[in-house]
N, C-alpha and C. Protein backbone atom coordinates (compact mmCIF):
# COMPACT_ATOMS: atom_id res chain seq x y z
N MET A 1 -15.19 2.24 -5.15
CA MET A 1 -14.56 1.17 -5.95
C MET A 1 -13.42 1.72 -6.85
N LEU A 2 -12.35 1.16 -6.91
CA LEU A 2 -11.36 1.65 -7.73
C LEU A 2 -11.08 0.72 -8.92
N HIS A 3 -10.65 1.47 -10.01
CA HIS A 3 -10.28 0.63 -11.21
C HIS A 3 -9.20 -0.39 -11.07
N LYS A 4 -9.20 -1.37 -11.73
CA LYS A 4 -8.17 -2.40 -11.38
C LYS A 4 -6.72 -2.03 -11.62
N ASP A 5 -6.50 -0.88 -12.41
CA ASP A 5 -5.18 -0.35 -12.76
C ASP A 5 -4.98 0.82 -11.86
N SER A 6 -6.00 1.14 -10.90
CA SER A 6 -5.64 2.42 -10.23
C SER A 6 -4.29 2.47 -9.52
N ARG A 7 -3.66 3.61 -9.48
CA ARG A 7 -2.43 3.69 -8.77
C ARG A 7 -2.74 3.54 -7.16
N TYR A 8 -4.00 3.72 -6.90
CA TYR A 8 -4.49 3.60 -5.46
C TYR A 8 -4.93 2.27 -5.19
N LYS A 9 -4.90 1.25 -5.88
CA LYS A 9 -5.65 -0.10 -5.47
C LYS A 9 -4.99 -0.70 -4.35
N ASN A 10 -3.94 -0.42 -3.94
CA ASN A 10 -2.98 -1.14 -2.94
C ASN A 10 -3.21 -0.40 -1.58
N ASN A 11 -3.76 0.76 -1.74
CA ASN A 11 -4.03 1.61 -0.61
C ASN A 11 -4.95 1.15 0.63
N GLN A 12 -4.80 1.46 1.69
CA GLN A 12 -5.71 1.18 2.99
C GLN A 12 -6.59 2.36 3.24
N THR A 13 -7.68 1.93 3.61
CA THR A 13 -8.77 2.88 4.06
C THR A 13 -8.39 3.20 5.58
N PHE A 14 -9.04 4.28 5.96
CA PHE A 14 -8.96 4.78 7.31
C PHE A 14 -9.69 3.92 8.21
N THR A 15 -9.12 3.29 9.33
CA THR A 15 -9.94 2.31 10.11
C THR A 15 -10.82 3.24 11.19
N PRO A 16 -11.94 2.64 11.40
CA PRO A 16 -12.76 3.29 12.57
C PRO A 16 -12.25 3.37 13.76
N ALA A 17 -12.51 4.44 14.64
CA ALA A 17 -12.14 4.52 15.98
C ALA A 17 -12.60 3.37 16.79
N GLU A 18 -12.13 3.25 18.14
CA GLU A 18 -12.75 2.25 18.93
C GLU A 18 -14.08 2.20 19.13
N ASP A 19 -14.74 3.36 19.13
CA ASP A 19 -16.20 3.41 19.32
C ASP A 19 -16.89 3.14 18.15
N GLY A 20 -16.25 3.02 16.90
CA GLY A 20 -16.90 2.58 15.68
C GLY A 20 -17.16 3.81 14.89
N SER A 21 -16.93 4.83 15.34
CA SER A 21 -16.92 6.16 14.41
C SER A 21 -15.86 6.33 13.45
N GLN A 22 -16.18 6.87 12.25
CA GLN A 22 -15.14 6.98 11.28
C GLN A 22 -15.07 8.40 11.08
N GLU A 23 -13.95 9.16 11.37
CA GLU A 23 -13.91 10.49 11.12
C GLU A 23 -13.68 10.81 9.50
N PHE A 24 -13.06 10.07 8.87
CA PHE A 24 -12.79 10.06 7.34
C PHE A 24 -13.02 8.85 6.69
N ALA A 25 -13.77 8.96 5.67
CA ALA A 25 -14.01 7.77 4.82
C ALA A 25 -13.19 7.40 3.81
N GLY A 26 -12.18 8.39 3.55
CA GLY A 26 -11.36 8.10 2.46
C GLY A 26 -10.13 7.10 2.63
N MET A 27 -9.17 7.27 1.70
CA MET A 27 -8.12 6.35 1.75
C MET A 27 -6.89 7.07 2.39
N ARG A 28 -5.86 6.29 2.86
CA ARG A 28 -4.70 6.78 3.39
C ARG A 28 -3.78 7.21 2.13
N PRO A 29 -2.73 8.17 2.22
CA PRO A 29 -1.88 8.29 1.06
C PRO A 29 -1.33 7.12 0.69
N ARG A 30 -0.82 7.06 -0.77
CA ARG A 30 -0.28 5.95 -1.35
C ARG A 30 1.31 6.25 -1.21
N THR A 31 2.03 5.21 -1.01
CA THR A 31 3.37 5.16 -0.97
C THR A 31 4.07 5.38 -2.36
N ILE A 32 4.75 6.31 -2.33
CA ILE A 32 5.32 6.76 -3.64
C ILE A 32 6.78 6.10 -3.73
N GLY A 33 7.12 5.16 -4.48
CA GLY A 33 8.37 4.61 -4.73
C GLY A 33 9.37 5.59 -5.55
N PRO A 34 10.55 5.21 -5.68
CA PRO A 34 11.53 6.19 -6.46
C PRO A 34 11.04 5.89 -7.96
N ALA A 35 11.20 7.04 -8.56
CA ALA A 35 10.71 7.05 -9.94
C ALA A 35 12.09 7.08 -10.91
N THR A 36 12.25 6.52 -11.93
CA THR A 36 13.38 6.55 -12.74
C THR A 36 13.22 7.83 -13.54
N GLY A 37 14.13 8.77 -13.22
CA GLY A 37 14.07 9.78 -14.02
C GLY A 37 14.94 9.73 -15.33
N VAL A 38 14.35 10.03 -16.54
CA VAL A 38 15.15 9.65 -17.65
C VAL A 38 15.58 11.09 -18.58
N VAL A 39 14.86 12.07 -17.99
CA VAL A 39 15.11 13.57 -18.55
C VAL A 39 15.01 14.51 -17.47
N GLU A 40 15.96 15.35 -17.55
CA GLU A 40 15.97 16.50 -16.49
C GLU A 40 15.49 17.80 -17.22
N HIS A 41 14.27 18.30 -16.85
CA HIS A 41 13.75 19.57 -17.46
C HIS A 41 14.04 20.75 -16.55
N ARG A 42 14.46 21.84 -17.25
CA ARG A 42 14.79 23.09 -16.59
C ARG A 42 13.49 24.00 -16.78
N VAL A 43 12.84 24.30 -15.54
CA VAL A 43 11.61 24.96 -15.48
C VAL A 43 11.82 26.18 -16.19
N LYS A 44 10.78 26.66 -17.09
CA LYS A 44 10.73 27.99 -17.54
C LYS A 44 9.48 28.54 -17.44
N ALA A 45 9.36 29.99 -17.46
CA ALA A 45 8.08 30.73 -17.36
C ALA A 45 7.04 30.09 -18.33
N GLY A 46 5.82 29.97 -17.74
CA GLY A 46 4.70 29.35 -18.47
C GLY A 46 4.54 27.64 -18.46
N ASP A 47 5.58 27.14 -17.86
CA ASP A 47 5.34 25.68 -17.69
C ASP A 47 4.22 25.37 -16.78
N ARG A 48 3.65 24.35 -17.22
CA ARG A 48 2.44 23.78 -16.29
C ARG A 48 2.57 22.19 -16.28
N LEU A 49 2.13 21.54 -15.06
CA LEU A 49 2.38 20.18 -15.16
C LEU A 49 1.52 19.35 -16.24
N ASP A 50 0.40 19.83 -16.53
CA ASP A 50 -0.42 19.12 -17.51
C ASP A 50 0.36 19.60 -19.00
N LEU A 51 0.93 20.61 -19.16
CA LEU A 51 1.56 20.79 -20.46
C LEU A 51 2.89 20.15 -20.61
N LEU A 52 3.57 19.80 -19.47
CA LEU A 52 4.83 19.04 -19.57
C LEU A 52 4.45 17.58 -19.78
N ALA A 53 3.39 17.15 -19.29
CA ALA A 53 3.03 15.71 -19.32
C ALA A 53 2.56 15.50 -20.94
N ARG A 54 1.90 16.42 -21.34
CA ARG A 54 1.57 16.47 -22.86
C ARG A 54 2.75 16.42 -23.65
N HIS A 55 3.63 17.16 -23.47
CA HIS A 55 4.86 17.29 -24.08
C HIS A 55 5.75 16.09 -24.14
N TYR A 56 6.00 15.52 -22.90
CA TYR A 56 6.91 14.22 -22.66
C TYR A 56 6.16 13.15 -22.86
N TYR A 57 4.75 13.03 -22.52
CA TYR A 57 4.12 11.72 -22.64
C TYR A 57 3.10 11.63 -23.66
N ASN A 58 2.72 12.86 -24.25
CA ASN A 58 1.64 13.06 -25.13
C ASN A 58 0.31 12.56 -24.54
N ASP A 59 0.15 12.97 -23.36
CA ASP A 59 -1.01 12.58 -22.48
C ASP A 59 -0.93 13.66 -21.21
N ASP A 60 -1.83 14.51 -21.30
CA ASP A 60 -1.82 15.57 -20.04
C ASP A 60 -2.23 14.98 -18.85
N ARG A 61 -2.94 13.90 -18.80
CA ARG A 61 -3.37 13.25 -17.62
C ARG A 61 -2.29 12.66 -16.82
N LEU A 62 -1.10 12.32 -17.36
CA LEU A 62 -0.03 11.77 -16.68
C LEU A 62 0.74 12.86 -15.74
N TRP A 63 0.43 13.96 -15.48
CA TRP A 63 1.06 15.07 -14.76
C TRP A 63 1.36 14.38 -13.33
N TRP A 64 0.82 13.48 -12.84
CA TRP A 64 1.05 12.99 -11.69
C TRP A 64 2.29 12.38 -11.62
N ARG A 65 2.68 11.71 -12.71
CA ARG A 65 4.15 10.95 -12.64
C ARG A 65 5.24 11.94 -12.38
N ILE A 66 5.11 13.12 -12.91
CA ILE A 66 6.05 14.27 -12.64
C ILE A 66 6.06 14.66 -11.31
N VAL A 67 4.94 14.82 -10.68
CA VAL A 67 4.84 15.13 -9.18
C VAL A 67 5.46 14.05 -8.33
N ASP A 68 5.27 12.78 -8.79
CA ASP A 68 5.78 11.75 -8.08
C ASP A 68 7.39 11.58 -8.11
N ALA A 69 7.88 11.91 -9.27
CA ALA A 69 9.33 12.07 -9.37
C ALA A 69 10.00 12.94 -8.67
N ASN A 70 9.27 14.08 -8.28
CA ASN A 70 9.95 15.38 -7.65
C ASN A 70 9.24 15.64 -6.26
N PRO A 71 8.94 14.91 -5.42
CA PRO A 71 8.30 15.00 -4.15
C PRO A 71 8.86 16.20 -3.23
N GLU A 72 10.03 16.53 -3.41
CA GLU A 72 10.74 17.53 -2.48
C GLU A 72 10.52 18.96 -3.20
N VAL A 73 9.86 18.96 -4.40
CA VAL A 73 9.80 20.42 -5.00
C VAL A 73 8.40 20.72 -5.52
N LEU A 74 7.61 19.44 -5.67
CA LEU A 74 6.38 19.68 -6.12
C LEU A 74 5.09 18.96 -5.23
N TYR A 75 4.17 19.59 -5.38
CA TYR A 75 2.82 19.07 -4.43
C TYR A 75 1.70 18.62 -5.52
N GLY A 76 1.08 17.72 -5.27
CA GLY A 76 -0.03 17.14 -6.22
C GLY A 76 -1.00 18.25 -6.35
N GLY A 77 -1.38 18.40 -7.48
CA GLY A 77 -2.25 19.50 -7.91
C GLY A 77 -1.71 20.82 -8.18
N ASP A 78 -0.57 21.05 -7.97
CA ASP A 78 0.14 22.35 -8.08
C ASP A 78 0.55 22.46 -9.57
N LEU A 79 0.49 23.76 -9.96
CA LEU A 79 0.99 24.07 -11.13
C LEU A 79 2.42 24.39 -10.89
N VAL A 80 3.24 24.48 -12.09
CA VAL A 80 4.66 24.95 -11.67
C VAL A 80 4.48 26.52 -11.36
N VAL A 81 5.02 26.89 -10.24
CA VAL A 81 4.90 28.20 -9.97
C VAL A 81 6.18 29.05 -10.39
N PRO A 82 6.08 30.36 -10.49
CA PRO A 82 7.01 31.22 -11.10
C PRO A 82 8.36 31.03 -10.17
N GLU A 83 8.36 30.75 -8.86
CA GLU A 83 9.45 30.71 -8.18
C GLU A 83 10.25 29.41 -8.42
N MET A 84 9.79 28.55 -9.32
CA MET A 84 10.60 27.41 -9.69
C MET A 84 11.23 27.42 -10.94
N GLU A 85 11.08 28.63 -11.59
CA GLU A 85 11.76 29.14 -12.85
C GLU A 85 13.31 28.79 -12.63
N GLY A 86 13.94 28.06 -13.49
CA GLY A 86 15.24 27.84 -13.46
C GLY A 86 15.70 26.49 -12.84
N GLN A 87 14.74 25.87 -11.88
CA GLN A 87 15.11 24.75 -11.16
C GLN A 87 14.88 23.59 -12.15
N ALA A 88 15.69 22.59 -11.74
CA ALA A 88 15.61 21.17 -12.70
C ALA A 88 14.69 20.26 -11.94
N ILE A 89 13.82 19.68 -12.80
CA ILE A 89 12.95 18.61 -12.29
C ILE A 89 13.21 17.40 -13.22
N LEU A 90 12.80 16.09 -12.62
CA LEU A 90 13.07 15.00 -13.39
C LEU A 90 11.76 14.60 -13.91
N ILE A 91 11.74 14.15 -15.22
CA ILE A 91 10.67 13.60 -15.96
C ILE A 91 10.79 12.20 -16.03
N PRO A 92 10.01 11.40 -15.40
CA PRO A 92 10.27 10.02 -15.37
C PRO A 92 9.62 9.14 -16.68
N ARG A 93 9.85 8.00 -16.84
CA ARG A 93 9.31 7.19 -17.79
C ARG A 93 7.69 7.29 -17.61
N ALA A 94 7.09 7.33 -18.76
CA ALA A 94 5.57 7.44 -18.72
C ALA A 94 5.14 6.07 -18.14
N ARG A 95 5.59 5.01 -18.38
CA ARG A 95 5.21 3.71 -17.88
C ARG A 95 6.50 2.97 -17.46
N GLU A 96 6.43 2.30 -16.33
CA GLU A 96 7.54 1.48 -15.82
C GLU A 96 7.80 0.38 -16.74
N PRO A 97 9.08 -0.09 -16.92
CA PRO A 97 9.25 -1.18 -17.95
C PRO A 97 8.82 -2.48 -17.15
N LEU A 98 8.38 -3.32 -18.21
CA LEU A 98 7.99 -4.63 -17.70
C LEU A 98 8.87 -5.65 -17.34
């Protein structure tokens, strides 16, 4: 059961095969819409997604918003790797405007 405000609340689950078996009981990936980037951050040594989220949002649990805004360069769960040093990433709004 998902929380009513979960970003996964509209995801579909995997459907059983024709024989009724279900290989995976999880959910399908969620669709990631375009994020409104409001800050361009130049990656430097020692940057981590949770630390960037704490710096920009004052909440290290919002690291996933940074990943969502940069799908071409970041993967969920990754920390910012040394090879990314000097690259620019977008930092979106913490919450979408109402």
